[in-house]
Protein backbone atom coordinates (compact mmCIF):
# COMPACT_ATOMS: atom_id res chain seq x y z
CA UNK A 1 0.00 0.00 0.00
CA UNK A 2 1.41 3.36 -1.01
CA UNK A 3 1.21 6.51 1.10
CA UNK A 4 -1.61 7.89 -1.04
CA UNK A 5 -3.74 4.86 -0.20
CA UNK A 6 -3.25 5.35 3.55
CA UNK A 7 -4.95 8.71 3.85
CA UNK A 8 -4.95 9.76 7.47
CA UNK A 9 -2.37 7.14 8.41
CA UNK A 10 1.17 8.32 8.96
CA UNK A 11 4.11 6.27 10.12
CA UNK A 12 5.22 6.93 13.67
CA UNK A 13 8.24 9.13 14.20
CA UNK A 14 11.44 7.06 14.41
CA UNK A 15 12.88 6.41 17.86
CA UNK A 16 15.91 8.33 19.09
CA UNK A 17 19.11 6.75 20.32
CA UNK A 18 20.96 7.62 23.51
CA UNK A 19 23.43 9.63 21.42
CA UNK A 20 20.54 11.59 19.84
CA UNK A 21 19.30 12.59 23.29
CA UNK A 22 22.83 13.50 24.39
CA UNK A 23 23.35 15.60 21.26
CA UNK A 24 20.05 17.48 21.81
CA UNK A 25 21.05 18.11 25.45
CA UNK A 26 24.46 19.47 24.42
CA UNK A 27 22.95 21.58 21.65
CA UNK A 28 20.46 23.16 24.04
CA UNK A 29 23.24 23.89 26.53
CA UNK A 30 25.37 25.41 23.75
CA UNK A 31 22.53 27.63 22.52
CA UNK A 32 21.77 28.81 26.07
CA UNK A 33 25.40 29.74 26.66
CA UNK A 34 25.50 31.62 23.35
CA UNK A 35 22.30 33.52 24.14
CA UNK A 36 23.78 34.52 27.54
CA UNK A 37 26.87 35.87 25.77
CA UNK A 38 24.75 37.99 23.44
CA UNK A 39 22.43 39.27 26.15
CA UNK A 40 25.42 40.56 28.14
CA UNK A 41 26.73 42.49 25.13
CA UNK A 42 25.43 45.94 24.50
CA UNK A 43 25.08 47.34 21.05
CA UNK A 44 25.78 51.02 21.03
CA UNK A 45 23.77 53.33 18.78
CA UNK A 46 26.98 54.39 17.05
CA UNK A 47 27.88 50.81 16.05
CA UNK A 48 26.90 49.61 12.59
CA UNK A 49 23.41 48.12 12.31
CA UNK A 50 24.01 44.51 13.27
CA UNK A 51 21.46 42.67 15.26
CA UNK A 52 22.01 39.97 17.81
CA UNK A 53 20.21 37.48 15.57
CA UNK A 54 22.60 38.25 12.70
CA UNK A 55 25.60 37.66 14.95
CA UNK A 56 24.07 34.50 16.35
CA UNK A 57 23.33 33.05 12.90
CA UNK A 58 26.90 33.75 11.84
CA UNK A 59 28.26 32.10 14.97
CA UNK A 60 26.05 29.04 14.56
CA UNK A 61 26.90 28.54 10.89
CA UNK A 62 30.60 29.07 11.51
CA UNK A 63 31.11 26.12 13.82
CA UNK A 64 28.47 23.43 13.14
CA UNK A 65 31.05 20.85 12.09
CA UNK A 66 33.35 21.66 14.99
CA UNK A 67 30.46 21.47 17.43
CA UNK A 68 29.42 18.06 16.12
CA UNK A 69 32.98 16.76 16.50
CA UNK A 70 33.23 18.08 20.06
CA UNK A 71 29.92 16.46 21.03
CA UNK A 72 31.02 13.18 19.47
CA UNK A 73 34.31 13.23 21.41
CA UNK A 74 32.49 14.15 24.61
CA UNK A 75 30.06 11.24 24.11
CA UNK A 76 32.97 8.82 23.82
CA UNK A 77 34.51 10.13 27.04
CA UNK A 78 31.56 10.56 29.41
CA UNK A 79 31.27 8.08 32.30
CA UNK A 80 28.88 5.14 32.05
CA UNK A 81 26.63 6.41 34.86
CA UNK A 82 26.02 9.64 32.95
CA UNK A 83 25.32 7.67 29.75
CA UNK A 84 22.70 5.59 31.58
CA UNK A 85 20.47 8.64 31.87
CA UNK A 86 20.42 9.02 28.08
CA UNK A 87 20.10 5.27 27.54
CA UNK A 88 17.01 5.23 29.77
CA UNK A 89 15.51 8.03 27.69
CA UNK A 90 16.31 6.03 24.52
CA UNK A 91 14.67 2.86 25.93
CA UNK A 92 11.54 4.81 26.80
CA UNK A 93 11.43 6.33 23.31
CA UNK A 94 11.96 2.89 21.73
CA UNK A 95 8.99 1.53 23.70
CA UNK A 96 6.89 4.46 22.47
CA UNK A 97 7.94 3.78 18.89
CA UNK A 98 7.21 0.04 19.11
CA UNK A 99 3.73 0.70 20.51
CA UNK A 100 2.94 3.32 17.87
CA UNK A 101 4.30 1.09 15.10
CA UNK A 102 2.12 -1.84 16.19
CA UNK A 103 -0.92 0.45 16.14
CA UNK A 104 0.11 1.72 12.71
CA UNK A 105 0.48 -1.83 11.37
CA UNK A 106 -2.92 -2.80 12.74
CA UNK A 107 -4.55 0.23 11.12
CA UNK A 108 -2.91 -0.43 7.75
CA UNK A 109 -3.89 -4.11 7.93
CA UNK A 110 -7.47 -3.14 8.75
CA UNK A 111 -7.54 -0.64 5.89
CA UNK A 112 -6.13 -3.24 3.47
CA UNK A 113 -8.69 -5.80 4.62
CA UNK A 114 -11.56 -3.35 4.11
CA UNK A 115 -10.29 -2.54 0.61
CA UNK A 116 -10.02 -6.25 -0.19
CA UNK A 117 -13.59 -6.89 1.00
CA UNK A 118 -14.90 -4.02 -1.14
CA UNK A 119 -12.99 -5.31 -4.14
CA UNK A 120 -14.46 -8.79 -3.68
CA UNK A 121 -18.00 -7.39 -3.34
CA UNK A 122 -17.56 -5.39 -6.54
CA UNK A 123 -16.23 -8.46 -8.32
CA UNK A 124 -19.15 -10.60 -7.16
CA UNK A 125 -21.68 -7.96 -8.20
CA UNK A 126 -20.06 -7.59 -11.62
CA UNK A 127 -20.14 -11.35 -12.07
CA UNK A 128 -23.79 -11.57 -11.09
CA UNK A 129 -24.67 -8.66 -13.43
CA UNK A 130 -22.81 -10.29 -16.31
CA UNK A 131 -24.58 -13.59 -15.62
CA UNK A 132 -28.00 -11.89 -15.54
CA UNK A 133 -27.27 -10.03 -18.79
CA UNK A 134 -26.13 -13.24 -20.51
CA UNK A 135 -29.22 -15.12 -19.34
CA UNK A 136 -31.46 -12.23 -20.40
CA UNK A 137 -29.92 -11.99 -23.88
CA UNK A 138 -30.13 -15.76 -24.33
CA UNK A 139 -33.88 -15.73 -23.64
CA UNK A 140 -34.62 -12.72 -25.83
CA UNK A 141 -31.71 -11.89 -28.17
CA UNK A 142 -33.48 -8.83 -29.66
CA UNK A 143 -34.00 -7.16 -26.32
CA UNK A 144 -30.70 -5.96 -24.90
CA UNK A 145 -31.67 -4.07 -21.79
CA UNK A 146 -29.23 -3.09 -19.16
CA UNK A 147 -29.83 -4.77 -15.87
CA UNK A 148 -31.73 -2.76 -13.31
CA UNK A 149 -29.38 -3.89 -10.54
CA UNK A 150 -27.12 -1.02 -9.49
CA UNK A 151 -24.07 -1.03 -7.30
CA UNK A 152 -24.40 0.68 -3.92
CA UNK A 153 -22.86 4.17 -3.88
CA UNK A 154 -19.98 3.15 -1.59
CA UNK A 155 -19.07 0.32 -3.95
CA UNK A 156 -19.29 2.61 -6.99
CA UNK A 157 -16.83 5.00 -5.35
CA UNK A 158 -14.48 2.16 -4.43
CA UNK A 159 -14.66 0.82 -8.00
CA UNK A 160 -13.82 4.24 -9.45
CA UNK A 161 -10.83 4.54 -7.09
CA UNK A 162 -9.67 1.08 -8.08
CA UNK A 163 -9.92 1.88 -11.78
CA UNK A 164 -8.06 5.18 -11.38
CA UNK A 165 -5.09 3.57 -9.53
C-alpha atoms as a PDB file:
ATOM      1  CA  UNK A   1       0.000   0.000   0.000  1.00  0.00           C
ATOM      2  CA  UNK A   2       1.406   3.355  -1.009  1.00  0.00           C
ATOM      3  CA  UNK A   3       1.207   6.506   1.096  1.00  0.00           C
ATOM      4  CA  UNK A   4      -1.614   7.892  -1.041  1.00  0.00           C
ATOM      5  CA  UNK A   5      -3.736   4.856  -0.203  1.00  0.00           C
ATOM      6  CA  UNK A   6      -3.252   5.351   3.555  1.00  0.00           C
ATOM      7  CA  UNK A   7      -4.954   8.706   3.850  1.00  0.00           C
ATOM      8  CA  UNK A   8      -4.952   9.759   7.472  1.00  0.00           C
ATOM      9  CA  UNK A   9      -2.370   7.137   8.414  1.00  0.00           C
ATOM     10  CA  UNK A  10       1.175   8.316   8.959  1.00  0.00           C
ATOM     11  CA  UNK A  11       4.114   6.272  10.120  1.00  0.00           C
ATOM     12  CA  UNK A  12       5.223   6.928  13.671  1.00  0.00           C
ATOM     13  CA  UNK A  13       8.241   9.126  14.197  1.00  0.00           C
ATOM     14  CA  UNK A  14      11.442   7.057  14.407  1.00  0.00           C
ATOM     15  CA  UNK A  15      12.880   6.406  17.858  1.00  0.00           C
ATOM     16  CA  UNK A  16      15.912   8.334  19.088  1.00  0.00           C
ATOM     17  CA  UNK A  17      19.115   6.749  20.323  1.00  0.00           C
ATOM     18  CA  UNK A  18      20.961   7.622  23.511  1.00  0.00           C
ATOM     19  CA  UNK A  19      23.427   9.628  21.420  1.00  0.00           C
ATOM     20  CA  UNK A  20      20.543  11.589  19.839  1.00  0.00           C
ATOM     21  CA  UNK A  21      19.301  12.592  23.290  1.00  0.00           C
ATOM     22  CA  UNK A  22      22.827  13.499  24.391  1.00  0.00           C
ATOM     23  CA  UNK A  23      23.350  15.603  21.260  1.00  0.00           C
ATOM     24  CA  UNK A  24      20.053  17.483  21.813  1.00  0.00           C
ATOM     25  CA  UNK A  25      21.053  18.107  25.447  1.00  0.00           C
ATOM     26  CA  UNK A  26      24.462  19.466  24.418  1.00  0.00           C
ATOM     27  CA  UNK A  27      22.952  21.580  21.649  1.00  0.00           C
ATOM     28  CA  UNK A  28      20.456  23.162  24.041  1.00  0.00           C
ATOM     29  CA  UNK A  29      23.240  23.890  26.532  1.00  0.00           C
ATOM     30  CA  UNK A  30      25.366  25.412  23.754  1.00  0.00           C
ATOM     31  CA  UNK A  31      22.526  27.631  22.524  1.00  0.00           C
ATOM     32  CA  UNK A  32      21.773  28.808  26.069  1.00  0.00           C
ATOM     33  CA  UNK A  33      25.399  29.735  26.659  1.00  0.00           C
ATOM     34  CA  UNK A  34      25.502  31.621  23.349  1.00  0.00           C
ATOM     35  CA  UNK A  35      22.304  33.525  24.145  1.00  0.00           C
ATOM     36  CA  UNK A  36      23.778  34.518  27.535  1.00  0.00           C
ATOM     37  CA  UNK A  37      26.865  35.867  25.769  1.00  0.00           C
ATOM     38  CA  UNK A  38      24.753  37.990  23.443  1.00  0.00           C
ATOM     39  CA  UNK A  39      22.425  39.268  26.153  1.00  0.00           C
ATOM     40  CA  UNK A  40      25.417  40.561  28.145  1.00  0.00           C
ATOM     41  CA  UNK A  41      26.728  42.492  25.127  1.00  0.00           C
ATOM     42  CA  UNK A  42      25.433  45.945  24.502  1.00  0.00           C
ATOM     43  CA  UNK A  43      25.083  47.339  21.048  1.00  0.00           C
ATOM     44  CA  UNK A  44      25.778  51.022  21.026  1.00  0.00           C
ATOM     45  CA  UNK A  45      23.773  53.330  18.779  1.00  0.00           C
ATOM     46  CA  UNK A  46      26.984  54.391  17.054  1.00  0.00           C
ATOM     47  CA  UNK A  47      27.881  50.813  16.049  1.00  0.00           C
ATOM     48  CA  UNK A  48      26.898  49.609  12.593  1.00  0.00           C
ATOM     49  CA  UNK A  49      23.410  48.116  12.311  1.00  0.00           C
ATOM     50  CA  UNK A  50      24.014  44.512  13.266  1.00  0.00           C
ATOM     51  CA  UNK A  51      21.460  42.670  15.263  1.00  0.00           C
ATOM     52  CA  UNK A  52      22.006  39.972  17.814  1.00  0.00           C
ATOM     53  CA  UNK A  53      20.212  37.482  15.572  1.00  0.00           C
ATOM     54  CA  UNK A  54      22.597  38.252  12.698  1.00  0.00           C
ATOM     55  CA  UNK A  55      25.605  37.661  14.953  1.00  0.00           C
ATOM     56  CA  UNK A  56      24.068  34.501  16.351  1.00  0.00           C
ATOM     57  CA  UNK A  57      23.329  33.047  12.903  1.00  0.00           C
ATOM     58  CA  UNK A  58      26.900  33.751  11.839  1.00  0.00           C
ATOM     59  CA  UNK A  59      28.263  32.101  14.965  1.00  0.00           C
ATOM     60  CA  UNK A  60      26.055  29.040  14.558  1.00  0.00           C
ATOM     61  CA  UNK A  61      26.899  28.542  10.887  1.00  0.00           C
ATOM     62  CA  UNK A  62      30.597  29.067  11.512  1.00  0.00           C
ATOM     63  CA  UNK A  63      31.115  26.116  13.818  1.00  0.00           C
ATOM     64  CA  UNK A  64      28.469  23.434  13.137  1.00  0.00           C
ATOM     65  CA  UNK A  65      31.046  20.851  12.088  1.00  0.00           C
ATOM     66  CA  UNK A  66      33.350  21.661  14.991  1.00  0.00           C
ATOM     67  CA  UNK A  67      30.458  21.470  17.429  1.00  0.00           C
ATOM     68  CA  UNK A  68      29.418  18.055  16.118  1.00  0.00           C
ATOM     69  CA  UNK A  69      32.975  16.758  16.495  1.00  0.00           C
ATOM     70  CA  UNK A  70      33.226  18.083  20.060  1.00  0.00           C
ATOM     71  CA  UNK A  71      29.925  16.460  21.029  1.00  0.00           C
ATOM     72  CA  UNK A  72      31.016  13.177  19.466  1.00  0.00           C
ATOM     73  CA  UNK A  73      34.307  13.229  21.410  1.00  0.00           C
ATOM     74  CA  UNK A  74      32.495  14.154  24.612  1.00  0.00           C
ATOM     75  CA  UNK A  75      30.062  11.242  24.113  1.00  0.00           C
ATOM     76  CA  UNK A  76      32.970   8.818  23.820  1.00  0.00           C
ATOM     77  CA  UNK A  77      34.512  10.128  27.041  1.00  0.00           C
ATOM     78  CA  UNK A  78      31.558  10.557  29.413  1.00  0.00           C
ATOM     79  CA  UNK A  79      31.274   8.084  32.300  1.00  0.00           C
ATOM     80  CA  UNK A  80      28.885   5.139  32.051  1.00  0.00           C
ATOM     81  CA  UNK A  81      26.628   6.406  34.858  1.00  0.00           C
ATOM     82  CA  UNK A  82      26.018   9.642  32.947  1.00  0.00           C
ATOM     83  CA  UNK A  83      25.325   7.673  29.750  1.00  0.00           C
ATOM     84  CA  UNK A  84      22.704   5.593  31.585  1.00  0.00           C
ATOM     85  CA  UNK A  85      20.473   8.645  31.873  1.00  0.00           C
ATOM     86  CA  UNK A  86      20.418   9.025  28.078  1.00  0.00           C
ATOM     87  CA  UNK A  87      20.104   5.270  27.540  1.00  0.00           C
ATOM     88  CA  UNK A  88      17.010   5.233  29.767  1.00  0.00           C
ATOM     89  CA  UNK A  89      15.511   8.028  27.688  1.00  0.00           C
ATOM     90  CA  UNK A  90      16.308   6.028  24.523  1.00  0.00           C
ATOM     91  CA  UNK A  91      14.668   2.856  25.926  1.00  0.00           C
ATOM     92  CA  UNK A  92      11.542   4.809  26.798  1.00  0.00           C
ATOM     93  CA  UNK A  93      11.430   6.326  23.309  1.00  0.00           C
ATOM     94  CA  UNK A  94      11.965   2.892  21.730  1.00  0.00           C
ATOM     95  CA  UNK A  95       8.990   1.531  23.702  1.00  0.00           C
ATOM     96  CA  UNK A  96       6.887   4.463  22.474  1.00  0.00           C
ATOM     97  CA  UNK A  97       7.940   3.779  18.894  1.00  0.00           C
ATOM     98  CA  UNK A  98       7.211   0.042  19.114  1.00  0.00           C
ATOM     99  CA  UNK A  99       3.728   0.701  20.509  1.00  0.00           C
ATOM    100  CA  UNK A 100       2.945   3.323  17.867  1.00  0.00           C
ATOM    101  CA  UNK A 101       4.305   1.089  15.104  1.00  0.00           C
ATOM    102  CA  UNK A 102       2.120  -1.845  16.189  1.00  0.00           C
ATOM    103  CA  UNK A 103      -0.919   0.453  16.144  1.00  0.00           C
ATOM    104  CA  UNK A 104       0.112   1.719  12.709  1.00  0.00           C
ATOM    105  CA  UNK A 105       0.484  -1.833  11.366  1.00  0.00           C
ATOM    106  CA  UNK A 106      -2.918  -2.801  12.741  1.00  0.00           C
ATOM    107  CA  UNK A 107      -4.546   0.231  11.124  1.00  0.00           C
ATOM    108  CA  UNK A 108      -2.912  -0.431   7.751  1.00  0.00           C
ATOM    109  CA  UNK A 109      -3.891  -4.114   7.926  1.00  0.00           C
ATOM    110  CA  UNK A 110      -7.468  -3.141   8.754  1.00  0.00           C
ATOM    111  CA  UNK A 111      -7.541  -0.639   5.885  1.00  0.00           C
ATOM    112  CA  UNK A 112      -6.132  -3.235   3.473  1.00  0.00           C
ATOM    113  CA  UNK A 113      -8.691  -5.801   4.617  1.00  0.00           C
ATOM    114  CA  UNK A 114     -11.560  -3.353   4.108  1.00  0.00           C
ATOM    115  CA  UNK A 115     -10.287  -2.538   0.614  1.00  0.00           C
ATOM    116  CA  UNK A 116     -10.022  -6.251  -0.187  1.00  0.00           C
ATOM    117  CA  UNK A 117     -13.591  -6.891   0.998  1.00  0.00           C
ATOM    118  CA  UNK A 118     -14.904  -4.024  -1.137  1.00  0.00           C
ATOM    119  CA  UNK A 119     -12.995  -5.308  -4.143  1.00  0.00           C
ATOM    120  CA  UNK A 120     -14.465  -8.788  -3.675  1.00  0.00           C
ATOM    121  CA  UNK A 121     -18.003  -7.392  -3.339  1.00  0.00           C
ATOM    122  CA  UNK A 122     -17.561  -5.390  -6.543  1.00  0.00           C
ATOM    123  CA  UNK A 123     -16.225  -8.457  -8.324  1.00  0.00           C
ATOM    124  CA  UNK A 124     -19.154 -10.601  -7.157  1.00  0.00           C
ATOM    125  CA  UNK A 125     -21.683  -7.961  -8.203  1.00  0.00           C
ATOM    126  CA  UNK A 126     -20.062  -7.590 -11.623  1.00  0.00           C
ATOM    127  CA  UNK A 127     -20.138 -11.351 -12.074  1.00  0.00           C
ATOM    128  CA  UNK A 128     -23.793 -11.567 -11.089  1.00  0.00           C
ATOM    129  CA  UNK A 129     -24.665  -8.658 -13.428  1.00  0.00           C
ATOM    130  CA  UNK A 130     -22.815 -10.287 -16.314  1.00  0.00           C
ATOM    131  CA  UNK A 131     -24.582 -13.590 -15.620  1.00  0.00           C
ATOM    132  CA  UNK A 132     -27.997 -11.888 -15.535  1.00  0.00           C
ATOM    133  CA  UNK A 133     -27.269 -10.030 -18.791  1.00  0.00           C
ATOM    134  CA  UNK A 134     -26.135 -13.239 -20.508  1.00  0.00           C
ATOM    135  CA  UNK A 135     -29.217 -15.115 -19.338  1.00  0.00           C
ATOM    136  CA  UNK A 136     -31.464 -12.232 -20.405  1.00  0.00           C
ATOM    137  CA  UNK A 137     -29.917 -11.986 -23.881  1.00  0.00           C
ATOM    138  CA  UNK A 138     -30.125 -15.764 -24.333  1.00  0.00           C
ATOM    139  CA  UNK A 139     -33.880 -15.728 -23.641  1.00  0.00           C
ATOM    140  CA  UNK A 140     -34.616 -12.722 -25.829  1.00  0.00           C
ATOM    141  CA  UNK A 141     -31.709 -11.885 -28.175  1.00  0.00           C
ATOM    142  CA  UNK A 142     -33.482  -8.826 -29.665  1.00  0.00           C
ATOM    143  CA  UNK A 143     -34.004  -7.156 -26.320  1.00  0.00           C
ATOM    144  CA  UNK A 144     -30.700  -5.956 -24.896  1.00  0.00           C
ATOM    145  CA  UNK A 145     -31.671  -4.065 -21.791  1.00  0.00           C
ATOM    146  CA  UNK A 146     -29.230  -3.091 -19.155  1.00  0.00           C
ATOM    147  CA  UNK A 147     -29.827  -4.775 -15.865  1.00  0.00           C
ATOM    148  CA  UNK A 148     -31.731  -2.757 -13.310  1.00  0.00           C
ATOM    149  CA  UNK A 149     -29.376  -3.887 -10.543  1.00  0.00           C
ATOM    150  CA  UNK A 150     -27.118  -1.015  -9.486  1.00  0.00           C
ATOM    151  CA  UNK A 151     -24.070  -1.032  -7.295  1.00  0.00           C
ATOM    152  CA  UNK A 152     -24.396   0.685  -3.924  1.00  0.00           C
ATOM    153  CA  UNK A 153     -22.855   4.167  -3.884  1.00  0.00           C
ATOM    154  CA  UNK A 154     -19.980   3.152  -1.594  1.00  0.00           C
ATOM    155  CA  UNK A 155     -19.066   0.318  -3.950  1.00  0.00           C
ATOM    156  CA  UNK A 156     -19.287   2.609  -6.988  1.00  0.00           C
ATOM    157  CA  UNK A 157     -16.828   4.999  -5.346  1.00  0.00           C
ATOM    158  CA  UNK A 158     -14.485   2.157  -4.429  1.00  0.00           C
ATOM    159  CA  UNK A 159     -14.662   0.823  -7.996  1.00  0.00           C
ATOM    160  CA  UNK A 160     -13.818   4.242  -9.446  1.00  0.00           C
ATOM    161  CA  UNK A 161     -10.828   4.545  -7.088  1.00  0.00           C
ATOM    162  CA  UNK A 162      -9.667   1.076  -8.082  1.00  0.00           C
ATOM    163  CA  UNK A 163      -9.918   1.880 -11.781  1.00  0.00           C
ATOM    164  CA  UNK A 164      -8.055   5.180 -11.382  1.00  0.00           C
ATOM    165  CA  UNK A 165      -5.094   3.567  -9.531  1.00  0.00           C
END
